[in-house]
Amino acid sequence: MTTVSLAFGRPTLADRLYSRGLVMDLVLISAGAALTSIFAQLSVPLWPVPITGQTLAVLLVGSALGAVRGALSMVLYMALGIAGLPVFSDSTSGFAAVAGPTGGYIVGFIFAAALTGWIAQRSWDRKVLRALLSFLAGTVVTFVFGLPWLAFALGLDLQTTLEAGLYPFILSGVIKAAIAAGVITLGWRFIERKDRRRAESELSA
């Protein structure tokens, strides 16, 4: 019997921990949005774009849930913020937060999660180097959306846009990608160890 699920393709880390199904998909999508909301409050104030933990959460959620559920989790996150819940950085909310200078980064989270999830479903999240490369790619996607939006919202030229929205975040972006790579690959190590123990137990039974 086929189980209805929003996920498709190769299993992700979440699929190895929980059985696929529509109810579980909704739980995981909600959990991903909640995690991003929490990490958004971990911030270093900068103007016009603060350094936050959001992007780390986006990478983890996308990789763990896969392309579709990861992207939907970020759509839910953005929708909750627009609806008035204080889920954006510094507990902000409302449509103005998305329409403002940092809105492009929030929109970019959707595509970053989709990309990292798509790559994870091709098993790139199981080795540290490949996982790091995939998370760096996801980070770049966030900037691809965030920088033009920032420039348009504030009327900045290219150099000022890069100084305000890119250069201060390069090092932190690399660090967050490395942390995400470590967390996800450790998760897979746990799964692999569990599988080996199960196989050994079945052989000895």
C-alpha atoms as a PDB file:
ATOM      1  CA  MET A   1       0.000   0.000   0.000  1.00  0.00           C
ATOM      2  CA  THR A   2       1.369   3.395  -1.011  1.00  0.00           C
ATOM      3  CA  THR A   3       1.647   5.971   1.763  1.00  0.00           C
ATOM      4  CA  VAL A   4       0.556   9.503   0.840  1.00  0.00           C
ATOM      5  CA  SER A   5       3.424  11.916   1.408  1.00  0.00           C
ATOM      6  CA  LEU A   6       4.623  15.315   0.280  1.00  0.00           C
ATOM      7  CA  ALA A   7       8.112  13.850  -0.030  1.00  0.00           C
ATOM      8  CA  PHE A   8       9.381  11.947  -3.020  1.00  0.00           C
ATOM      9  CA  GLY A   9      12.681  10.587  -4.277  1.00  0.00           C
ATOM     10  CA  ARG A  10      15.482   9.236  -2.164  1.00  0.00           C
ATOM     11  CA  PRO A  11      15.027   9.244   1.620  1.00  0.00           C
ATOM     12  CA  THR A  12      16.503  12.067   3.645  1.00  0.00           C
ATOM     13  CA  LEU A  13      17.783  12.013   7.204  1.00  0.00           C
ATOM     14  CA  ALA A  14      14.274  12.693   8.516  1.00  0.00           C
ATOM     15  CA  ASP A  15      12.935   9.758   6.512  1.00  0.00           C
ATOM     16  CA  ARG A  16      15.391   7.431   8.237  1.00  0.00           C
ATOM     17  CA  LEU A  17      14.151   8.606  11.621  1.00  0.00           C
ATOM     18  CA  TYR A  18      10.419   8.814  10.855  1.00  0.00           C
ATOM     19  CA  SER A  19       8.170   6.971   8.416  1.00  0.00           C
ATOM     20  CA  ARG A  20       6.922   9.002   5.491  1.00  0.00           C
ATOM     21  CA  GLY A  21       3.305  10.038   5.667  1.00  0.00           C
ATOM     22  CA  LEU A  22       1.201  13.155   5.264  1.00  0.00           C
ATOM     23  CA  VAL A  23       0.727  13.714   8.996  1.00  0.00           C
ATOM     24  CA  MET A  24       4.437  13.291   9.689  1.00  0.00           C
ATOM     25  CA  ASP A  25       5.238  15.600   6.760  1.00  0.00           C
ATOM     26  CA  LEU A  26       3.108  18.335   8.318  1.00  0.00           C
ATOM     27  CA  VAL A  27       4.756  17.801  11.695  1.00  0.00           C
ATOM     28  CA  LEU A  28       8.243  18.037  10.171  1.00  0.00           C
ATOM     29  CA  ILE A  29       7.364  21.107   8.096  1.00  0.00           C
ATOM     30  CA  SER A  30       6.004  22.819  11.201  1.00  0.00           C
ATOM     31  CA  ALA A  31       9.050  21.791  13.226  1.00  0.00           C
ATOM     32  CA  GLY A  32      11.337  23.232  10.554  1.00  0.00           C
ATOM     33  CA  ALA A  33       9.498  26.555  10.642  1.00  0.00           C
ATOM     34  CA  ALA A  34       9.673  26.555  14.444  1.00  0.00           C
ATOM     35  CA  LEU A  35      13.408  25.831  14.423  1.00  0.00           C
ATOM     36  CA  THR A  36      13.993  28.696  11.997  1.00  0.00           C
ATOM     37  CA  SER A  37      11.910  30.998  14.198  1.00  0.00           C
ATOM     38  CA  ILE A  38      14.033  30.136  17.232  1.00  0.00           C
ATOM     39  CA  PHE A  39      17.335  30.507  15.396  1.00  0.00           C
ATOM     40  CA  ALA A  40      16.183  33.865  14.013  1.00  0.00           C
ATOM     41  CA  GLN A  41      16.353  35.271  17.528  1.00  0.00           C
ATOM     42  CA  LEU A  42      20.071  34.430  17.732  1.00  0.00           C
ATOM     43  CA  SER A  43      21.413  37.572  16.130  1.00  0.00           C
ATOM     44  CA  VAL A  44      24.229  40.071  16.037  1.00  0.00           C
ATOM     45  CA  PRO A  45      22.736  43.526  15.326  1.00  0.00           C
ATOM     46  CA  LEU A  46      24.041  45.095  12.122  1.00  0.00           C
ATOM     47  CA  TRP A  47      22.436  47.615   9.800  1.00  0.00           C
ATOM     48  CA  PRO A  48      20.706  47.068   7.462  1.00  0.00           C
ATOM     49  CA  VAL A  49      21.040  43.263   7.709  1.00  0.00           C
ATOM     50  CA  PRO A  50      21.747  41.537  11.053  1.00  0.00           C
ATOM     51  CA  ILE A  51      23.765  38.336  11.350  1.00  0.00           C
ATOM     52  CA  THR A  52      21.297  35.681  12.511  1.00  0.00           C
ATOM     53  CA  GLY A  53      21.029  31.945  13.012  1.00  0.00           C
ATOM     54  CA  GLN A  54      18.243  31.721  10.433  1.00  0.00           C
ATOM     55  CA  THR A  55      20.474  30.573   7.608  1.00  0.00           C
ATOM     56  CA  LEU A  56      21.892  27.743   9.724  1.00  0.00           C
ATOM     57  CA  ALA A  57      18.352  26.542  10.420  1.00  0.00           C
ATOM     58  CA  VAL A  58      17.453  26.818   6.730  1.00  0.00           C
ATOM     59  CA  LEU A  59      20.381  24.603   5.744  1.00  0.00           C
ATOM     60  CA  LEU A  60      19.571  22.007   8.396  1.00  0.00           C
ATOM     61  CA  VAL A  61      15.871  21.953   7.567  1.00  0.00           C
ATOM     62  CA  GLY A  62      16.405  21.717   3.823  1.00  0.00           C
ATOM     63  CA  SER A  63      18.909  18.895   4.116  1.00  0.00           C
ATOM     64  CA  ALA A  64      16.959  16.923   6.702  1.00  0.00           C
ATOM     65  CA  LEU A  65      13.541  17.234   5.057  1.00  0.00           C
ATOM     66  CA  GLY A  66      14.398  17.284   1.368  1.00  0.00           C
ATOM     67  CA  ALA A  67      13.494  19.724  -1.381  1.00  0.00           C
ATOM     68  CA  VAL A  68       9.690  19.843  -1.162  1.00  0.00           C
ATOM     69  CA  ARG A  69       9.195  19.697   2.604  1.00  0.00           C
ATOM     70  CA  GLY A  70      12.187  21.963   3.221  1.00  0.00           C
ATOM     71  CA  ALA A  71      10.822  24.622   0.877  1.00  0.00           C
ATOM     72  CA  LEU A  72       7.314  24.308   2.334  1.00  0.00           C
ATOM     73  CA  SER A  73       8.753  24.725   5.815  1.00  0.00           C
ATOM     74  CA  MET A  74      10.262  28.051   4.781  1.00  0.00           C
ATOM     75  CA  VAL A  75       7.013  29.094   3.084  1.00  0.00           C
ATOM     76  CA  LEU A  76       5.237  28.386   6.373  1.00  0.00           C
ATOM     77  CA  TYR A  77       7.892  30.339   8.270  1.00  0.00           C
ATOM     78  CA  MET A  78       7.411  33.363   6.021  1.00  0.00           C
ATOM     79  CA  ALA A  79       3.614  33.074   6.173  1.00  0.00           C
ATOM     80  CA  LEU A  80       3.648  32.966   9.973  1.00  0.00           C
ATOM     81  CA  GLY A  81       5.765  36.101  10.056  1.00  0.00           C
ATOM     82  CA  ILE A  82       3.526  37.940   7.607  1.00  0.00           C
ATOM     83  CA  ALA A  83       0.501  36.874   9.661  1.00  0.00           C
ATOM     84  CA  GLY A  84       1.936  38.671  12.677  1.00  0.00           C
ATOM     85  CA  LEU A  85       3.825  36.072  14.677  1.00  0.00           C
ATOM     86  CA  PRO A  86       7.204  37.445  15.884  1.00  0.00           C
ATOM     87  CA  VAL A  87       9.285  34.822  14.051  1.00  0.00           C
ATOM     88  CA  PHE A  88      11.662  37.047  12.095  1.00  0.00           C
ATOM     89  CA  SER A  89      14.927  38.362  13.518  1.00  0.00           C
ATOM     90  CA  ASP A  90      14.599  40.531  16.644  1.00  0.00           C
ATOM     91  CA  SER A  91      11.046  39.154  17.072  1.00  0.00           C
ATOM     92  CA  THR A  92       9.742  41.249  14.189  1.00  0.00           C
ATOM     93  CA  SER A  93       6.774  40.326  12.034  1.00  0.00           C
ATOM     94  CA  GLY A  94       4.355  41.620   9.438  1.00  0.00           C
ATOM     95  CA  PHE A  95       4.380  42.140   5.698  1.00  0.00           C
ATOM     96  CA  ALA A  96       6.594  45.197   6.118  1.00  0.00           C
ATOM     97  CA  ALA A  97       9.430  42.960   7.314  1.00  0.00           C
ATOM     98  CA  VAL A  98       9.277  40.966   4.083  1.00  0.00           C
ATOM     99  CA  ALA A  99       8.788  44.032   1.899  1.00  0.00           C
ATOM    100  CA  GLY A 100      11.696  45.782   3.618  1.00  0.00           C
ATOM    101  CA  PRO A 101      15.452  45.580   3.020  1.00  0.00           C
ATOM    102  CA  THR A 102      15.876  42.044   4.422  1.00  0.00           C
ATOM    103  CA  GLY A 103      12.834  40.554   2.694  1.00  0.00           C
ATOM    104  CA  GLY A 104      14.856  39.099  -0.153  1.00  0.00           C
ATOM    105  CA  TYR A 105      16.811  36.955   2.263  1.00  0.00           C
ATOM    106  CA  ILE A 106      13.580  35.549   3.703  1.00  0.00           C
ATOM    107  CA  VAL A 107      12.291  34.714   0.219  1.00  0.00           C
ATOM    108  CA  GLY A 108      15.714  33.257  -0.578  1.00  0.00           C
ATOM    109  CA  PHE A 109      15.361  30.838   2.347  1.00  0.00           C
ATOM    110  CA  ILE A 110      12.660  28.983   0.399  1.00  0.00           C
ATOM    111  CA  PHE A 111      14.935  28.363  -2.569  1.00  0.00           C
ATOM    112  CA  ALA A 112      17.989  27.679  -0.414  1.00  0.00           C
ATOM    113  CA  ALA A 113      16.105  24.964   1.471  1.00  0.00           C
ATOM    114  CA  ALA A 114      14.835  23.518  -1.806  1.00  0.00           C
ATOM    115  CA  LEU A 115      18.348  23.378  -3.255  1.00  0.00           C
ATOM    116  CA  THR A 116      20.026  21.857  -0.205  1.00  0.00           C
ATOM    117  CA  GLY A 117      17.164  19.373   0.063  1.00  0.00           C
ATOM    118  CA  TRP A 118      17.484  18.417  -3.600  1.00  0.00           C
ATOM    119  CA  ILE A 119      21.220  17.884  -3.175  1.00  0.00           C
ATOM    120  CA  ALA A 120      20.695  15.888   0.031  1.00  0.00           C
ATOM    121  CA  GLN A 121      18.342  13.574  -1.839  1.00  0.00           C
ATOM    122  CA  ARG A 122      21.333  12.732  -4.011  1.00  0.00           C
ATOM    123  CA  SER A 123      23.278  11.632  -0.916  1.00  0.00           C
ATOM    124  CA  TRP A 124      25.624  14.627  -0.821  1.00  0.00           C
ATOM    125  CA  ASP A 125      24.802  15.183   2.827  1.00  0.00           C
ATOM    126  CA  ARG A 126      26.460  11.965   4.012  1.00  0.00           C
ATOM    127  CA  LYS A 127      30.084  13.088   3.643  1.00  0.00           C
ATOM    128  CA  VAL A 128      31.412  16.228   5.287  1.00  0.00           C
ATOM    129  CA  LEU A 129      33.056  17.837   2.241  1.00  0.00           C
ATOM    130  CA  ARG A 130      30.100  17.282  -0.060  1.00  0.00           C
ATOM    131  CA  ALA A 131      27.695  18.449   2.621  1.00  0.00           C
ATOM    132  CA  LEU A 132      29.779  21.592   3.132  1.00  0.00           C
ATOM    133  CA  LEU A 133      29.717  22.339  -0.598  1.00  0.00           C
ATOM    134  CA  SER A 134      25.950  21.856  -0.746  1.00  0.00           C
ATOM    135  CA  PHE A 135      25.404  24.168   2.217  1.00  0.00           C
ATOM    136  CA  LEU A 136      27.679  26.809   0.736  1.00  0.00           C
ATOM    137  CA  ALA A 137      25.579  26.592  -2.435  1.00  0.00           C
ATOM    138  CA  GLY A 138      22.428  27.075  -0.370  1.00  0.00           C
ATOM    139  CA  THR A 139      23.994  30.087   1.324  1.00  0.00           C
ATOM    140  CA  VAL A 140      24.829  31.603  -2.058  1.00  0.00           C
ATOM    141  CA  VAL A 141      21.206  31.193  -3.164  1.00  0.00           C
ATOM    142  CA  THR A 142      20.071  33.231  -0.162  1.00  0.00           C
ATOM    143  CA  PHE A 143      22.356  36.078  -1.218  1.00  0.00           C
ATOM    144  CA  VAL A 144      21.227  35.823  -4.844  1.00  0.00           C
ATOM    145  CA  PHE A 145      17.756  36.812  -3.677  1.00  0.00           C
ATOM    146  CA  GLY A 146      18.756  39.020  -0.764  1.00  0.00           C
ATOM    147  CA  LEU A 147      21.218  41.389  -2.400  1.00  0.00           C
ATOM    148  CA  PRO A 148      19.084  42.695  -5.302  1.00  0.00           C
ATOM    149  CA  TRP A 149      16.153  43.116  -2.912  1.00  0.00           C
ATOM    150  CA  LEU A 150      18.345  45.055  -0.489  1.00  0.00           C
ATOM    151  CA  ALA A 151      19.661  47.292  -3.251  1.00  0.00           C
ATOM    152  CA  PHE A 152      16.168  48.032  -4.558  1.00  0.00           C
ATOM    153  CA  ALA A 153      14.655  48.665  -1.110  1.00  0.00           C
ATOM    154  CA  LEU A 154      17.354  51.140  -0.064  1.00  0.00           C
ATOM    155  CA  GLY A 155      18.377  52.497  -3.465  1.00  0.00           C
ATOM    156  CA  LEU A 156      21.979  51.336  -3.079  1.00  0.00           C
ATOM    157  CA  ASP A 157      24.634  51.034  -5.742  1.00  0.00           C
ATOM    158  CA  LEU A 158      26.495  47.744  -6.283  1.00  0.00           C
ATOM    159  CA  GLN A 159      29.479  48.522  -4.065  1.00  0.00           C
ATOM    160  CA  THR A 160      27.371  49.758  -1.169  1.00  0.00           C
ATOM    161  CA  THR A 161      25.062  46.749  -1.512  1.00  0.00           C
ATOM    162  CA  LEU A 162      27.988  44.339  -1.254  1.00  0.00           C
ATOM    163  CA  GLU A 163      29.437  46.218   1.713  1.00  0.00           C
ATOM    164  CA  ALA A 164      26.091  46.213   3.525  1.00  0.00           C
ATOM    165  CA  GLY A 165      24.647  42.845   2.531  1.00  0.00           C
ATOM    166  CA  LEU A 166      27.480  40.476   1.616  1.00  0.00           C
ATOM    167  CA  TYR A 167      30.977  41.186   2.926  1.00  0.00           C
ATOM    168  CA  PRO A 168      30.077  41.162   6.664  1.00  0.00           C
ATOM    169  CA  PHE A 169      28.399  37.764   6.245  1.00  0.00           C
ATOM    170  CA  ILE A 170      30.950  35.754   4.282  1.00  0.00           C
ATOM    171  CA  LEU A 171      32.833  34.373   7.276  1.00  0.00           C
ATOM    172  CA  SER A 172      29.693  33.664   9.305  1.00  0.00           C
ATOM    173  CA  GLY A 173      28.133  31.996   6.257  1.00  0.00           C
ATOM    174  CA  VAL A 174      31.086  29.638   5.908  1.00  0.00           C
ATOM    175  CA  ILE A 175      31.025  28.862   9.633  1.00  0.00           C
ATOM    176  CA  LYS A 176      27.296  28.110   9.585  1.00  0.00           C
ATOM    177  CA  ALA A 177      27.706  25.887   6.517  1.00  0.00           C
ATOM    178  CA  ALA A 178      30.475  23.995   8.326  1.00  0.00           C
ATOM    179  CA  ILE A 179      28.339  23.583  11.454  1.00  0.00           C
ATOM    180  CA  ALA A 180      25.423  22.313   9.388  1.00  0.00           C
ATOM    181  CA  ALA A 181      27.693  19.860   7.563  1.00  0.00           C
ATOM    182  CA  GLY A 182      28.963  18.532  10.878  1.00  0.00           C
ATOM    183  CA  VAL A 183      25.485  18.149  12.370  1.00  0.00           C
ATOM    184  CA  ILE A 184      23.957  16.420   9.339  1.00  0.00           C
ATOM    185  CA  THR A 185      26.846  14.027   8.753  1.00  0.00           C
ATOM    186  CA  LEU A 186      26.867  13.116  12.459  1.00  0.00           C
ATOM    187  CA  GLY A 187      23.184  12.329  12.093  1.00  0.00           C
ATOM    188  CA  TRP A 188      23.952   9.941   9.257  1.00  0.00           C
ATOM    189  CA  ARG A 189      26.740   8.343  11.305  1.00  0.00           C
ATOM    190  CA  PHE A 190      24.184   7.647  14.021  1.00  0.00           C
ATOM    191  CA  ILE A 191      21.811   6.052  11.490  1.00  0.00           C
ATOM    192  CA  GLU A 192      24.584   3.935   9.962  1.00  0.00           C
ATOM    193  CA  ARG A 193      25.725   2.738  13.385  1.00  0.00           C
ATOM    194  CA  LYS A 194      22.158   1.849  14.272  1.00  0.00           C
ATOM    195  CA  ASP A 195      21.784  -0.105  11.011  1.00  0.00           C
ATOM    196  CA  ARG A 196      24.983  -2.054  11.674  1.00  0.00           C
ATOM    197  CA  ARG A 197      23.850  -2.986  15.168  1.00  0.00           C
ATOM    198  CA  ARG A 198      20.500  -4.139  13.830  1.00  0.00           C
ATOM    199  CA  ALA A 199      22.172  -6.249  11.155  1.00  0.00           C
ATOM    200  CA  GLU A 200      24.555  -7.790  13.687  1.00  0.00           C
ATOM    201  CA  SER A 201      21.656  -8.531  16.009  1.00  0.00           C
ATOM    202  CA  GLU A 202      19.729 -10.262  13.206  1.00  0.00           C
ATOM    203  CA  LEU A 203      22.776 -12.368  12.267  1.00  0.00           C
ATOM    204  CA  SER A 204      23.358 -13.481  15.832  1.00  0.00           C
ATOM    205  CA  ALA A 205      19.679 -14.281  16.448  1.00  0.00           C
END
